[in-house]
Amino acid sequence: MYQEIPFTGQNCISTRWVYSEKYVDGKRQIKARLVARGFEETEITQTDSPTCSKECIRLIFALLISNGWHCSSIDIKSAFLQGKEIEREVFVYPPIEAKSQNVWKLKKCVYGLADASRYWF
């Protein structure tokens, strides 16, 4: 995911924790994930991610209905961590809890970066 290296003046992106709370079977669950603050990036990258157009979705629904097929969807846990290796150098400050004077050089794209969805695709 990352390599810890000494800080030598690299252009770094800060990180923050994002907490989400939900109830499953009446029990409260809290999840936390560390995200990069991508709006701090200065490098211009390709930020689009290929998706289906509205017309394609409608065509697929029409085919499903006319053939009596069923449609299912899935949610891929940790989707952005399943992407390919990052092709550029990105440095982030570790969270305060890491108590480190070093920075992290990312090996894979993380949630929050402008091109994260492109790398996952």
PDB file of N, CA and C in Angstrom:
ATOM      1  N   MET A   1       0.803  -1.188   0.000  1.00  0.00           N
ATOM      2  CA  MET A   1       0.000   0.000   0.000  1.00  0.00           C
ATOM      3  C   MET A   1       0.858   1.269   0.000  1.00  0.00           C
ATOM      4  N   TYR A   2       1.827   1.336   0.910  1.00  0.00           N
ATOM      5  CA  TYR A   2       2.674   2.519   0.978  1.00  0.00           C
ATOM      6  C   TYR A   2       4.047   2.125   1.475  1.00  0.00           C
ATOM      7  N   GLN A   3       4.987   3.045   1.251  1.00  0.00           N
ATOM      8  CA  GLN A   3       6.344   2.867   1.735  1.00  0.00           C
ATOM      9  C   GLN A   3       6.671   4.095   2.574  1.00  0.00           C
ATOM     10  N   GLU A   4       7.133   3.890   3.771  1.00  0.00           N
ATOM     11  CA  GLU A   4       7.470   5.006   4.651  1.00  0.00           C
ATOM     12  C   GLU A   4       8.876   5.487   4.315  1.00  0.00           C
ATOM     13  N   ILE A   5       8.983   6.784   3.994  1.00  0.00           N
ATOM     14  CA  ILE A   5      10.279   7.345   3.617  1.00  0.00           C
ATOM     15  C   ILE A   5      10.494   8.653   4.378  1.00  0.00           C
ATOM     16  N   PRO A   6      11.746   9.076   4.514  1.00  0.00           N
ATOM     17  CA  PRO A   6      12.018  10.330   5.218  1.00  0.00           C
ATOM     18  C   PRO A   6      11.462  11.529   4.448  1.00  0.00           C
ATOM     19  N   PHE A   7      11.016  12.532   5.176  1.00  0.00           N
ATOM     20  CA  PHE A   7      10.501  13.748   4.563  1.00  0.00           C
ATOM     21  C   PHE A   7      11.672  14.615   4.139  1.00  0.00           C
ATOM     22  N   THR A   8      11.763  14.879   2.844  1.00  0.00           N
ATOM     23  CA  THR A   8      12.840  15.718   2.309  1.00  0.00           C
ATOM     24  C   THR A   8      12.266  16.843   1.458  1.00  0.00           C
ATOM     25  N   GLY A   9      11.099  17.343   1.847  1.00  0.00           N
ATOM     26  CA  GLY A   9      10.494  18.459   1.138  1.00  0.00           C
ATOM     27  C   GLY A   9       9.556  18.060   0.003  1.00  0.00           C
ATOM     28  N   GLN A  10       9.117  16.804  -0.021  1.00  0.00           N
ATOM     29  CA  GLN A  10       8.189  16.367  -1.061  1.00  0.00           C
ATOM     30  C   GLN A  10       6.880  17.139  -0.955  1.00  0.00           C
ATOM     31  N   ASN A  11       6.196  17.279  -2.082  1.00  0.00           N
ATOM     32  CA  ASN A  11       4.871  17.887  -2.100  1.00  0.00           C
ATOM     33  C   ASN A  11       3.896  16.824  -1.601  1.00  0.00           C
ATOM     34  N   CYS A  12       3.381  16.984  -0.387  1.00  0.00           N
ATOM     35  CA  CYS A  12       2.552  15.957   0.249  1.00  0.00           C
ATOM     36  C   CYS A  12       1.091  16.374   0.341  1.00  0.00           C
ATOM     37  N   ILE A  13       0.239  15.378   0.364  1.00  0.00           N
ATOM     38  CA  ILE A  13      -1.200  15.554   0.530  1.00  0.00           C
ATOM     39  C   ILE A  13      -1.548  15.129   1.945  1.00  0.00           C
ATOM     40  N   SER A  14      -2.389  15.889   2.599  1.00  0.00           N
ATOM     41  CA  SER A  14      -2.776  15.514   3.960  1.00  0.00           C
ATOM     42  C   SER A  14      -3.847  14.416   3.916  1.00  0.00           C
ATOM     43  N   THR A  15      -4.067  13.794   5.034  1.00  0.00           N
ATOM     44  CA  THR A  15      -5.063  12.726   5.146  1.00  0.00           C
ATOM     45  C   THR A  15      -6.014  13.069   6.284  1.00  0.00           C
ATOM     46  N   ARG A  16      -7.133  12.392   6.297  1.00  0.00           N
ATOM     47  CA  ARG A  16      -8.080  12.551   7.410  1.00  0.00           C
ATOM     48  C   ARG A  16      -8.873  11.271   7.568  1.00  0.00           C
ATOM     49  N   TRP A  17      -9.411  11.085   8.746  1.00  0.00           N
ATOM     50  CA  TRP A  17     -10.252   9.938   9.029  1.00  0.00           C
ATOM     51  C   TRP A  17     -11.697  10.279   8.693  1.00  0.00           C
ATOM     52  N   VAL A  18     -12.375   9.336   8.059  1.00  0.00           N
ATOM     53  CA  VAL A  18     -13.805   9.482   7.781  1.00  0.00           C
ATOM     54  C   VAL A  18     -14.505   8.357   8.536  1.00  0.00           C
ATOM     55  N   TYR A  19     -15.451   8.727   9.372  1.00  0.00           N
ATOM     56  CA  TYR A  19     -16.188   7.757  10.183  1.00  0.00           C
ATOM     57  C   TYR A  19     -17.594   7.599   9.638  1.00  0.00           C
ATOM     58  N   SER A  20     -18.071   6.371   9.622  1.00  0.00           N
ATOM     59  CA  SER A  20     -19.465   6.136   9.241  1.00  0.00           C
ATOM     60  C   SER A  20     -20.090   5.225  10.290  1.00  0.00           C
ATOM     61  N   GLU A  21     -21.340   5.489  10.558  1.00  0.00           N
ATOM     62  CA  GLU A  21     -22.066   4.752  11.586  1.00  0.00           C
ATOM     63  C   GLU A  21     -23.311   4.141  10.967  1.00  0.00           C
ATOM     64  N   LYS A  22     -23.546   2.876  11.256  1.00  0.00           N
ATOM     65  CA  LYS A  22     -24.783   2.252  10.792  1.00  0.00           C
ATOM     66  C   LYS A  22     -25.200   1.202  11.813  1.00  0.00           C
ATOM     67  N   TYR A  23     -26.449   0.803  11.692  1.00  0.00           N
ATOM     68  CA  TYR A  23     -26.987  -0.200  12.605  1.00  0.00           C
ATOM     69  C   TYR A  23     -27.256  -1.487  11.829  1.00  0.00           C
ATOM     70  N   VAL A  24     -26.702  -2.584  12.322  1.00  0.00           N
ATOM     71  CA  VAL A  24     -26.896  -3.900  11.716  1.00  0.00           C
ATOM     72  C   VAL A  24     -27.468  -4.814  12.795  1.00  0.00           C
ATOM     73  N   ASP A  25     -28.647  -5.337  12.551  1.00  0.00           N
ATOM     74  CA  ASP A  25     -29.337  -6.193  13.528  1.00  0.00           C
ATOM     75  C   ASP A  25     -29.484  -5.496  14.883  1.00  0.00           C
ATOM     76  N   GLY A  26     -29.751  -4.199  14.849  1.00  0.00           N
ATOM     77  CA  GLY A  26     -29.954  -3.443  16.076  1.00  0.00           C
ATOM     78  C   GLY A  26     -28.680  -3.065  16.808  1.00  0.00           C
ATOM     79  N   LYS A  27     -27.521  -3.460  16.287  1.00  0.00           N
ATOM     80  CA  LYS A  27     -26.250  -3.130  16.921  1.00  0.00           C
ATOM     81  C   LYS A  27     -25.580  -1.996  16.154  1.00  0.00           C
ATOM     82  N   ARG A  28     -25.041  -1.080  16.894  1.00  0.00           N
ATOM     83  CA  ARG A  28     -24.349   0.061  16.292  1.00  0.00           C
ATOM     84  C   ARG A  28     -22.952  -0.366  15.843  1.00  0.00           C
ATOM     85  N   GLN A  29     -22.634  -0.064  14.578  1.00  0.00           N
ATOM     86  CA  GLN A  29     -21.311  -0.358  14.048  1.00  0.00           C
ATOM     87  C   GLN A  29     -20.692   0.940  13.544  1.00  0.00           C
ATOM     88  N   ILE A  30     -19.453   1.157  13.887  1.00  0.00           N
ATOM     89  CA  ILE A  30     -18.736   2.333  13.418  1.00  0.00           C
ATOM     90  C   ILE A  30     -17.552   1.860  12.595  1.00  0.00           C
ATOM     91  N   LYS A  31     -17.438   2.420  11.395  1.00  0.00           N
ATOM     92  CA  LYS A  31     -16.318   2.098  10.527  1.00  0.00           C
ATOM     93  C   LYS A  31     -15.506   3.358  10.309  1.00  0.00           C
ATOM     94  N   ALA A  32     -14.221   3.192  10.161  1.00  0.00           N
ATOM     95  CA  ALA A  32     -13.347   4.327   9.908  1.00  0.00           C
ATOM     96  C   ALA A  32     -12.431   3.985   8.747  1.00  0.00           C
ATOM     97  N   ARG A  33     -12.159   4.990   7.921  1.00  0.00           N
ATOM     98  CA  ARG A  33     -11.202   4.788   6.844  1.00  0.00           C
ATOM     99  C   ARG A  33     -10.374   6.052   6.696  1.00  0.00           C
ATOM    100  N   LEU A  34      -9.139   5.856   6.338  1.00  0.00           N
ATOM    101  CA  LEU A  34      -8.224   6.960   6.124  1.00  0.00           C
ATOM    102  C   LEU A  34      -8.299   7.351   4.659  1.00  0.00           C
ATOM    103  N   VAL A  35      -8.558   8.618   4.389  1.00  0.00           N
ATOM    104  CA  VAL A  35      -8.668   9.077   3.005  1.00  0.00           C
ATOM    105  C   VAL A  35      -7.688  10.221   2.759  1.00  0.00           C
ATOM    106  N   ALA A  36      -7.253  10.292   1.517  1.00  0.00           N
ATOM    107  CA  ALA A  36      -6.386  11.397   1.107  1.00  0.00           C
ATOM    108  C   ALA A  36      -7.256  12.595   0.749  1.00  0.00           C
ATOM    109  N   ARG A  37      -6.770  13.762   1.011  1.00  0.00           N
ATOM    110  CA  ARG A  37      -7.507  14.991   0.679  1.00  0.00           C
ATOM    111  C   ARG A  37      -7.083  15.406  -0.726  1.00  0.00           C
ATOM    112  N   GLY A  38      -7.696  14.759  -1.709  1.00  0.00           N
ATOM    113  CA  GLY A  38      -7.309  14.884  -3.106  1.00  0.00           C
ATOM    114  C   GLY A  38      -7.368  16.283  -3.674  1.00  0.00           C
ATOM    115  N   PHE A  39      -8.171  17.160  -3.100  1.00  0.00           N
ATOM    116  CA  PHE A  39      -8.257  18.517  -3.620  1.00  0.00           C
ATOM    117  C   PHE A  39      -6.942  19.277  -3.446  1.00  0.00           C
ATOM    118  N   GLU A  40      -6.018  18.736  -2.651  1.00  0.00           N
ATOM    119  CA  GLU A  40      -4.723  19.374  -2.448  1.00  0.00           C
ATOM    120  C   GLU A  40      -3.714  18.997  -3.528  1.00  0.00           C
ATOM    121  N   GLU A  41      -4.075  18.072  -4.401  1.00  0.00           N
ATOM    122  CA  GLU A  41      -3.160  17.641  -5.463  1.00  0.00           C
ATOM    123  C   GLU A  41      -2.887  18.781  -6.428  1.00  0.00           C
ATOM    124  N   THR A  42      -1.654  18.884  -6.857  1.00  0.00           N
ATOM    125  CA  THR A  42      -1.286  19.909  -7.832  1.00  0.00           C
ATOM    126  C   THR A  42      -1.085  19.307  -9.215  1.00  0.00           C
ATOM    127  N   GLU A  43      -0.788  18.016  -9.281  1.00  0.00           N
ATOM    128  CA  GLU A  43      -0.572  17.355 -10.561  1.00  0.00           C
ATOM    129  C   GLU A  43      -1.910  17.099 -11.256  1.00  0.00           C
ATOM    130  N   ILE A  44      -1.962  17.404 -12.539  1.00  0.00           N
ATOM    131  CA  ILE A  44      -3.188  17.177 -13.303  1.00  0.00           C
ATOM    132  C   ILE A  44      -3.187  15.729 -13.785  1.00  0.00           C
ATOM    133  N   THR A  45      -4.255  15.021 -13.473  1.00  0.00           N
ATOM    134  CA  THR A  45      -4.367  13.610 -13.837  1.00  0.00           C
ATOM    135  C   THR A  45      -5.692  13.365 -14.544  1.00  0.00           C
ATOM    136  N   GLN A  46      -5.785  12.207 -15.189  1.00  0.00           N
ATOM    137  CA  GLN A  46      -7.040  11.819 -15.831  1.00  0.00           C
ATOM    138  C   GLN A  46      -7.997  11.373 -14.734  1.00  0.00           C
ATOM    139  N   THR A  47      -9.115  12.076 -14.599  1.00  0.00           N
ATOM    140  CA  THR A  47      -9.995  11.849 -13.447  1.00  0.00           C
ATOM    141  C   THR A  47     -11.288  11.129 -13.785  1.00  0.00           C
ATOM    142  N   ASP A  48     -11.522  10.841 -15.044  1.00  0.00           N
ATOM    143  CA  ASP A  48     -12.777  10.175 -15.379  1.00  0.00           C
ATOM    144  C   ASP A  48     -12.684   8.683 -15.108  1.00  0.00           C
ATOM    145  N   SER A  49     -13.814   8.064 -14.992  1.00  0.00           N
ATOM    146  CA  SER A  49     -13.887   6.616 -14.828  1.00  0.00           C
ATOM    147  C   SER A  49     -14.980   6.118 -15.752  1.00  0.00           C
ATOM    148  N   PRO A  50     -14.672   5.150 -16.588  1.00  0.00           N
ATOM    149  CA  PRO A  50     -15.678   4.673 -17.543  1.00  0.00           C
ATOM    150  C   PRO A  50     -16.923   4.148 -16.839  1.00  0.00           C
ATOM    151  N   THR A  51     -18.060   4.650 -17.265  1.00  0.00           N
ATOM    152  CA  THR A  51     -19.340   4.199 -16.722  1.00  0.00           C
ATOM    153  C   THR A  51     -20.330   4.045 -17.867  1.00  0.00           C
ATOM    154  N   CYS A  52     -21.433   3.411 -17.574  1.00  0.00           N
ATOM    155  CA  CYS A  52     -22.484   3.241 -18.577  1.00  0.00           C
ATOM    156  C   CYS A  52     -23.288   4.524 -18.722  1.00  0.00           C
ATOM    157  N   SER A  53     -23.704   4.802 -19.939  1.00  0.00           N
ATOM    158  CA  SER A  53     -24.581   5.948 -20.162  1.00  0.00           C
ATOM    159  C   SER A  53     -26.008   5.573 -19.767  1.00  0.00           C
ATOM    160  N   LYS A  54     -26.873   6.563 -19.665  1.00  0.00           N
ATOM    161  CA  LYS A  54     -28.280   6.302 -19.344  1.00  0.00           C
ATOM    162  C   LYS A  54     -28.917   5.418 -20.406  1.00  0.00           C
ATOM    163  N   GLU A  55     -28.540   5.642 -21.656  1.00  0.00           N
ATOM    164  CA  GLU A  55     -29.106   4.850 -22.754  1.00  0.00           C
ATOM    165  C   GLU A  55     -28.735   3.375 -22.623  1.00  0.00           C
ATOM    166  N   CYS A  56     -27.464   3.114 -22.237  1.00  0.00           N
ATOM    167  CA  CYS A  56     -27.027   1.714 -22.058  1.00  0.00           C
ATOM    168  C   CYS A  56     -27.783   1.040 -20.918  1.00  0.00           C
ATOM    169  N   ILE A  57     -27.962   1.756 -19.836  1.00  0.00           N
ATOM    170  CA  ILE A  57     -28.699   1.204 -18.699  1.00  0.00           C
ATOM    171  C   ILE A  57     -30.126   0.865 -19.110  1.00  0.00           C
ATOM    172  N   ARG A  58     -30.767   1.770 -19.834  1.00  0.00           N
ATOM    173  CA  ARG A  58     -32.136   1.527 -20.293  1.00  0.00           C
ATOM    174  C   ARG A  58     -32.198   0.330 -21.234  1.00  0.00           C
ATOM    175  N   LEU A  59     -31.209   0.201 -22.104  1.00  0.00           N
ATOM    176  CA  LEU A  59     -31.156  -0.941 -23.021  1.00  0.00           C
ATOM    177  C   LEU A  59     -31.006  -2.246 -22.244  1.00  0.00           C
ATOM    178  N   ILE A  60     -30.152  -2.228 -21.244  1.00  0.00           N
ATOM    179  CA  ILE A  60     -29.957  -3.433 -20.423  1.00  0.00           C
ATOM    180  C   ILE A  60     -31.243  -3.798 -19.695  1.00  0.00           C
ATOM    181  N   PHE A  61     -31.924  -2.809 -19.123  1.00  0.00           N
ATOM    182  CA  PHE A  61     -33.198  -3.081 -18.443  1.00  0.00           C
ATOM    183  C   PHE A  61     -34.235  -3.636 -19.415  1.00  0.00           C
ATOM    184  N   ALA A  62     -34.275  -3.101 -20.619  1.00  0.00           N
ATOM    185  CA  ALA A  62     -35.227  -3.597 -21.624  1.00  0.00           C
ATOM    186  C   ALA A  62     -34.930  -5.052 -21.976  1.00  0.00           C
ATOM    187  N   LEU A  63     -33.663  -5.391 -22.135  1.00  0.00           N
ATOM    188  CA  LEU A  63     -33.279  -6.773 -22.424  1.00  0.00           C
ATOM    189  C   LEU A  63     -33.626  -7.703 -21.262  1.00  0.00           C
ATOM    190  N   LEU A  64     -33.373  -7.250 -20.048  1.00  0.00           N
ATOM    191  CA  LEU A  64     -33.697  -8.048 -18.865  1.00  0.00           C
ATOM    192  C   LEU A  64     -35.189  -8.371 -18.821  1.00  0.00           C
ATOM    193  N   ILE A  65     -35.996  -7.348 -18.994  1.00  0.00           N
ATOM    194  CA  ILE A  65     -37.449  -7.528 -18.907  1.00  0.00           C
ATOM    195  C   ILE A  65     -37.971  -8.396 -20.039  1.00  0.00           C
ATOM    196  N   SER A  66     -37.523  -8.109 -21.267  1.00  0.00           N
ATOM    197  CA  SER A  66     -38.052  -8.859 -22.422  1.00  0.00           C
ATOM    198  C   SER A  66     -37.646 -10.328 -22.395  1.00  0.00           C
ATOM    199  N   ASN A  67     -36.522 -10.659 -21.784  1.00  0.00           N
ATOM    200  CA  ASN A  67     -36.073 -12.050 -21.719  1.00  0.00           C
ATOM    201  C   ASN A  67     -36.396 -12.721 -20.390  1.00  0.00           C
ATOM    202  N   GLY A  68     -36.988 -11.983 -19.470  1.00  0.00           N
ATOM    203  CA  GLY A  68     -37.330 -12.557 -18.169  1.00  0.00           C
ATOM    204  C   GLY A  68     -36.122 -12.838 -17.295  1.00  0.00           C
ATOM    205  N   TRP A  69     -35.037 -12.129 -17.544  1.00  0.00           N
ATOM    206  CA  TRP A  69     -33.824 -12.334 -16.763  1.00  0.00           C
ATOM    207  C   TRP A  69     -33.893 -11.549 -15.457  1.00  0.00           C
ATOM    208  N   HIS A  70     -33.047 -11.945 -14.504  1.00  0.00           N
ATOM    209  CA  HIS A  70     -32.953 -11.249 -13.219  1.00  0.00           C
ATOM    210  C   HIS A  70     -31.622 -10.516 -13.157  1.00  0.00           C
ATOM    211  N   CYS A  71     -31.630  -9.400 -12.481  1.00  0.00           N
ATOM    212  CA  CYS A  71     -30.428  -8.571 -12.358  1.00  0.00           C
ATOM    213  C   CYS A  71     -29.990  -8.549 -10.900  1.00  0.00           C
ATOM    214  N   SER A  72     -28.700  -8.624 -10.687  1.00  0.00           N
ATOM    215  CA  SER A  72     -28.136  -8.537  -9.338  1.00  0.00           C
ATOM    216  C   SER A  72     -27.020  -7.506  -9.339  1.00  0.00           C
ATOM    217  N   SER A  73     -26.723  -6.996  -8.191  1.00  0.00           N
ATOM    218  CA  SER A  73     -25.592  -6.076  -8.062  1.00  0.00           C
ATOM    219  C   SER A  73     -24.738  -6.520  -6.889  1.00  0.00           C
ATOM    220  N   ILE A  74     -23.507  -6.049  -6.873  1.00  0.00           N
ATOM    221  CA  ILE A  74     -22.595  -6.407  -5.794  1.00  0.00           C
ATOM    222  C   ILE A  74     -21.906  -5.145  -5.278  1.00  0.00           C
ATOM    223  N   ASP A  75     -21.391  -5.249  -4.089  1.00  0.00           N
ATOM    224  CA  ASP A  75     -20.595  -4.185  -3.508  1.00  0.00           C
ATOM    225  C   ASP A  75     -19.230  -4.777  -3.198  1.00  0.00           C
ATOM    226  N   ILE A  76     -18.208  -4.195  -3.766  1.00  0.00           N
ATOM    227  CA  ILE A  76     -16.858  -4.717  -3.555  1.00  0.00           C
ATOM    228  C   ILE A  76     -16.248  -3.990  -2.371  1.00  0.00           C
ATOM    229  N   LYS A  77     -15.982  -4.738  -1.307  1.00  0.00           N
ATOM    230  CA  LYS A  77     -15.393  -4.134  -0.118  1.00  0.00           C
ATOM    231  C   LYS A  77     -13.954  -3.727  -0.423  1.00  0.00           C
ATOM    232  N   SER A  78     -13.590  -2.590   0.081  1.00  0.00           N
ATOM    233  CA  SER A  78     -12.236  -2.050  -0.122  1.00  0.00           C
ATOM    234  C   SER A  78     -11.902  -1.937  -1.604  1.00  0.00           C
ATOM    235  N   ALA A  79     -12.874  -1.519  -2.409  1.00  0.00           N
ATOM    236  CA  ALA A  79     -12.708  -1.469  -3.859  1.00  0.00           C
ATOM    237  C   ALA A  79     -11.486  -0.667  -4.270  1.00  0.00           C
ATOM    238  N   PHE A  80     -11.271   0.478  -3.647  1.00  0.00           N
ATOM    239  CA  PHE A  80     -10.169   1.318  -4.080  1.00  0.00           C
ATOM    240  C   PHE A  80      -8.811   0.736  -3.704  1.00  0.00           C
ATOM    241  N   LEU A  81      -8.784  -0.203  -2.786  1.00  0.00           N
ATOM    242  CA  LEU A  81      -7.525  -0.859  -2.434  1.00  0.00           C
ATOM    243  C   LEU A  81      -7.234  -2.035  -3.357  1.00  0.00           C
ATOM    244  N   GLN A  82      -8.195  -2.397  -4.207  1.00  0.00           N
ATOM    245  CA  GLN A  82      -8.034  -3.523  -5.115  1.00  0.00           C
ATOM    246  C   GLN A  82      -7.482  -3.091  -6.474  1.00  0.00           C
ATOM    247  N   GLY A  83      -7.238  -1.818  -6.654  1.00  0.00           N
ATOM    248  CA  GLY A  83      -6.777  -1.284  -7.934  1.00  0.00           C
ATOM    249  C   GLY A  83      -5.335  -1.650  -8.234  1.00  0.00           C
ATOM    250  N   LYS A  84      -4.906  -1.230  -9.418  1.00  0.00           N
ATOM    251  CA  LYS A  84      -3.533  -1.529  -9.832  1.00  0.00           C
ATOM    252  C   LYS A  84      -2.546  -0.561  -9.191  1.00  0.00           C
ATOM    253  N   GLU A  85      -1.261  -0.857  -9.374  1.00  0.00           N
ATOM    254  CA  GLU A  85      -0.206  -0.014  -8.822  1.00  0.00           C
ATOM    255  C   GLU A  85      -0.283   1.386  -9.420  1.00  0.00           C
ATOM    256  N   ILE A  86      -0.016   2.384  -8.608  1.00  0.00           N
ATOM    257  CA  ILE A  86      -0.066   3.767  -9.067  1.00  0.00           C
ATOM    258  C   ILE A  86       1.143   4.060  -9.956  1.00  0.00           C
ATOM    259  N   GLU A  87       0.923   4.825 -11.011  1.00  0.00           N
ATOM    260  CA  GLU A  87       1.971   5.078 -12.003  1.00  0.00           C
ATOM    261  C   GLU A  87       2.685   6.401 -11.799  1.00  0.00           C
ATOM    262  N   ARG A  88       2.387   7.101 -10.748  1.00  0.00           N
ATOM    263  CA  ARG A  88       3.021   8.385 -10.463  1.00  0.00           C
ATOM    264  C   ARG A  88       3.428   8.407  -9.000  1.00  0.00           C
ATOM    265  N   GLU A  89       4.219   9.388  -8.644  1.00  0.00           N
ATOM    266  CA  GLU A  89       4.651   9.493  -7.254  1.00  0.00           C
ATOM    267  C   GLU A  89       3.670  10.356  -6.481  1.00  0.00           C
ATOM    268  N   VAL A  90       3.098   9.784  -5.444  1.00  0.00           N
ATOM    269  CA  VAL A  90       2.170  10.507  -4.574  1.00  0.00           C
ATOM    270  C   VAL A  90       2.647  10.308  -3.137  1.00  0.00           C
ATOM    271  N   PHE A  91       2.804  11.415  -2.442  1.00  0.00           N
ATOM    272  CA  PHE A  91       3.236  11.375  -1.053  1.00  0.00           C
ATOM    273  C   PHE A  91       2.127  11.923  -0.176  1.00  0.00           C
ATOM    274  N   VAL A  92       1.864  11.263   0.934  1.00  0.00           N
ATOM    275  CA  VAL A  92       0.851  11.732   1.883  1.00  0.00           C
ATOM    276  C   VAL A  92       1.454  11.782   3.279  1.00  0.00           C
ATOM    277  N   TYR A  93       0.925  12.713   4.048  1.00  0.00           N
ATOM    278  CA  TYR A  93       1.309  12.757   5.457  1.00  0.00           C
ATOM    279  C   TYR A  93       0.559  11.644   6.177  1.00  0.00           C
ATOM    280  N   PRO A  94       1.235  10.882   7.024  1.00  0.00           N
ATOM    281  CA  PRO A  94       0.519   9.852   7.792  1.00  0.00           C
ATOM    282  C   PRO A  94      -0.396  10.509   8.817  1.00  0.00           C
ATOM    283  N   PRO A  95      -1.388   9.774   9.310  1.00  0.00           N
ATOM    284  CA  PRO A  95      -2.257  10.355  10.336  1.00  0.00           C
ATOM    285  C   PRO A  95      -1.462  10.665  11.603  1.00  0.00           C
ATOM    286  N   ILE A  96      -1.972  11.580  12.386  1.00  0.00           N
ATOM    287  CA  ILE A  96      -1.288  12.008  13.613  1.00  0.00           C
ATOM    288  C   ILE A  96      -1.016  10.830  14.532  1.00  0.00           C
ATOM    289  N   GLU A  97      -1.934   9.869  14.531  1.00  0.00           N
ATOM    290  CA  GLU A  97      -1.796   8.707  15.420  1.00  0.00           C
ATOM    291  C   GLU A  97      -0.545   7.882  15.118  1.00  0.00           C
ATOM    292  N   ALA A  98      -0.004   7.999  13.899  1.00  0.00           N
ATOM    293  CA  ALA A  98       1.188   7.235  13.532  1.00  0.00           C
ATOM    294  C   ALA A  98       2.434   7.771  14.228  1.00  0.00           C
ATOM    295  N   LYS A  99       2.381   9.019  14.695  1.00  0.00           N
ATOM    296  CA  LYS A  99       3.505   9.644  15.401  1.00  0.00           C
ATOM    297  C   LYS A  99       4.821   9.432  14.652  1.00  0.00           C
ATOM    298  N   SER A 100       4.813   9.792  13.386  1.00  0.00           N
ATOM    299  CA  SER A 100       5.976   9.575  12.539  1.00  0.00           C
ATOM    300  C   SER A 100       6.455  10.892  11.951  1.00  0.00           C
ATOM    301  N   GLN A 101       7.743  11.037  11.805  1.00  0.00           N
ATOM    302  CA  GLN A 101       8.335  12.208  11.145  1.00  0.00           C
ATOM    303  C   GLN A 101       8.509  11.953   9.647  1.00  0.00           C
ATOM    304  N   ASN A 102       8.176  10.748   9.217  1.00  0.00           N
ATOM    305  CA  ASN A 102       8.311  10.365   7.816  1.00  0.00           C
ATOM    306  C   ASN A 102       7.018  10.641   7.057  1.00  0.00           C
ATOM    307  N   VAL A 103       7.059  10.466   5.744  1.00  0.00           N
ATOM    308  CA  VAL A 103       5.865  10.558   4.905  1.00  0.00           C
ATOM    309  C   VAL A 103       5.660   9.209   4.236  1.00  0.00           C
ATOM    310  N   TRP A 104       4.476   9.013   3.683  1.00  0.00           N
ATOM    311  CA  TRP A 104       4.170   7.766   2.999  1.00  0.00           C
ATOM    312  C   TRP A 104       4.176   7.991   1.496  1.00  0.00           C
ATOM    313  N   LYS A 105       4.933   7.156   0.804  1.00  0.00           N
ATOM    314  CA  LYS A 105       4.900   7.140  -0.661  1.00  0.00           C
ATOM    315  C   LYS A 105       3.913   6.041  -1.042  1.00  0.00           C
ATOM    316  N   LEU A 106       2.848   6.417  -1.719  1.00  0.00           N
ATOM    317  CA  LEU A 106       1.802   5.448  -2.041  1.00  0.00           C
ATOM    318  C   LEU A 106       2.234   4.506  -3.142  1.00  0.00           C
ATOM    319  N   LYS A 107       1.903   3.233  -2.969  1.00  0.00           N
ATOM    320  CA  LYS A 107       2.137   2.223  -4.005  1.00  0.00           C
ATOM    321  C   LYS A 107       0.866   1.955  -4.793  1.00  0.00           C
ATOM    322  N   LYS A 108      -0.288   2.175  -4.133  1.00  0.00           N
ATOM    323  CA  LYS A 108      -1.586   2.020  -4.779  1.00  0.00           C
ATOM    324  C   LYS A 108      -2.393   3.279  -4.543  1.00  0.00           C
ATOM    325  N   CYS A 109      -3.313   3.526  -5.441  1.00  0.00           N
ATOM    326  CA  CYS A 109      -4.162   4.699  -5.329  1.00  0.00           C
ATOM    327  C   CYS A 109      -5.128   4.504  -4.154  1.00  0.00           C
ATOM    328  N   VAL A 110      -5.372   5.547  -3.412  1.00  0.00           N
ATOM    329  CA  VAL A 110      -6.273   5.463  -2.264  1.00  0.00           C
ATOM    330  C   VAL A 110      -7.487   6.344  -2.480  1.00  0.00           C
ATOM    331  N   TYR A 111      -8.534   6.062  -1.735  1.00  0.00           N
ATOM    332  CA  TYR A 111      -9.760   6.834  -1.819  1.00  0.00           C
ATOM    333  C   TYR A 111      -9.470   8.297  -1.504  1.00  0.00           C
ATOM    334  N   GLY A 112      -9.996   9.165  -2.310  1.00  0.00           N
ATOM    335  CA  GLY A 112      -9.813  10.589  -2.102  1.00  0.00           C
ATOM    336  C   GLY A 112      -8.982  11.241  -3.187  1.00  0.00           C
ATOM    337  N   LEU A 113      -8.102  10.478  -3.829  1.00  0.00           N
ATOM    338  CA  LEU A 113      -7.313  11.041  -4.914  1.00  0.00           C
ATOM    339  C   LEU A 113      -8.182  11.216  -6.151  1.00  0.00           C
ATOM    340  N   ALA A 114      -7.825  12.174  -6.985  1.00  0.00           N
ATOM    341  CA  ALA A 114      -8.638  12.500  -8.156  1.00  0.00           C
ATOM    342  C   ALA A 114      -8.772  11.326  -9.115  1.00  0.00           C
ATOM    343  N   ASP A 115      -7.746  10.510  -9.237  1.00  0.00           N
ATOM    344  CA  ASP A 115      -7.777   9.419 -10.207  1.00  0.00           C
ATOM    345  C   ASP A 115      -8.016   8.044  -9.575  1.00  0.00           C
ATOM    346  N   ALA A 116      -8.527   8.005  -8.369  1.00  0.00           N
ATOM    347  CA  ALA A 116      -8.728   6.736  -7.655  1.00  0.00           C
ATOM    348  C   ALA A 116      -9.699   5.816  -8.399  1.00  0.00           C
ATOM    349  N   SER A 117     -10.807   6.338  -8.883  1.00  0.00           N
ATOM    350  CA  SER A 117     -11.777   5.485  -9.577  1.00  0.00           C
ATOM    351  C   SER A 117     -11.216   4.972 -10.896  1.00  0.00           C
ATOM    352  N   ARG A 118     -10.400   5.729 -11.567  1.00  0.00           N
ATOM    353  CA  ARG A 118      -9.773   5.287 -12.818  1.00  0.00           C
ATOM    354  C   ARG A 118      -8.854   4.103 -12.540  1.00  0.00           C
ATOM    355  N   TYR A 119      -8.062   4.174 -11.457  1.00  0.00           N
ATOM    356  CA  TYR A 119      -7.155   3.071 -11.120  1.00  0.00           C
ATOM    357  C   TYR A 119      -7.925   1.830 -10.729  1.00  0.00           C
ATOM    358  N   TRP A 120      -9.046   1.995 -10.060  1.00  0.00           N
ATOM    359  CA  TRP A 120      -9.829   0.815  -9.687  1.00  0.00           C
ATOM    360  C   TRP A 120     -10.428   0.150 -10.914  1.00  0.00           C
ATOM    361  N   PHE A 121     -10.891   0.960 -11.878  1.00  0.00           N
ATOM    362  CA  PHE A 121     -11.499   0.410 -13.080  1.00  0.00           C
ATOM    363  C   PHE A 121     -10.510  -0.461 -13.800  1.00  0.00           C
TER     364      PHE A 121
END
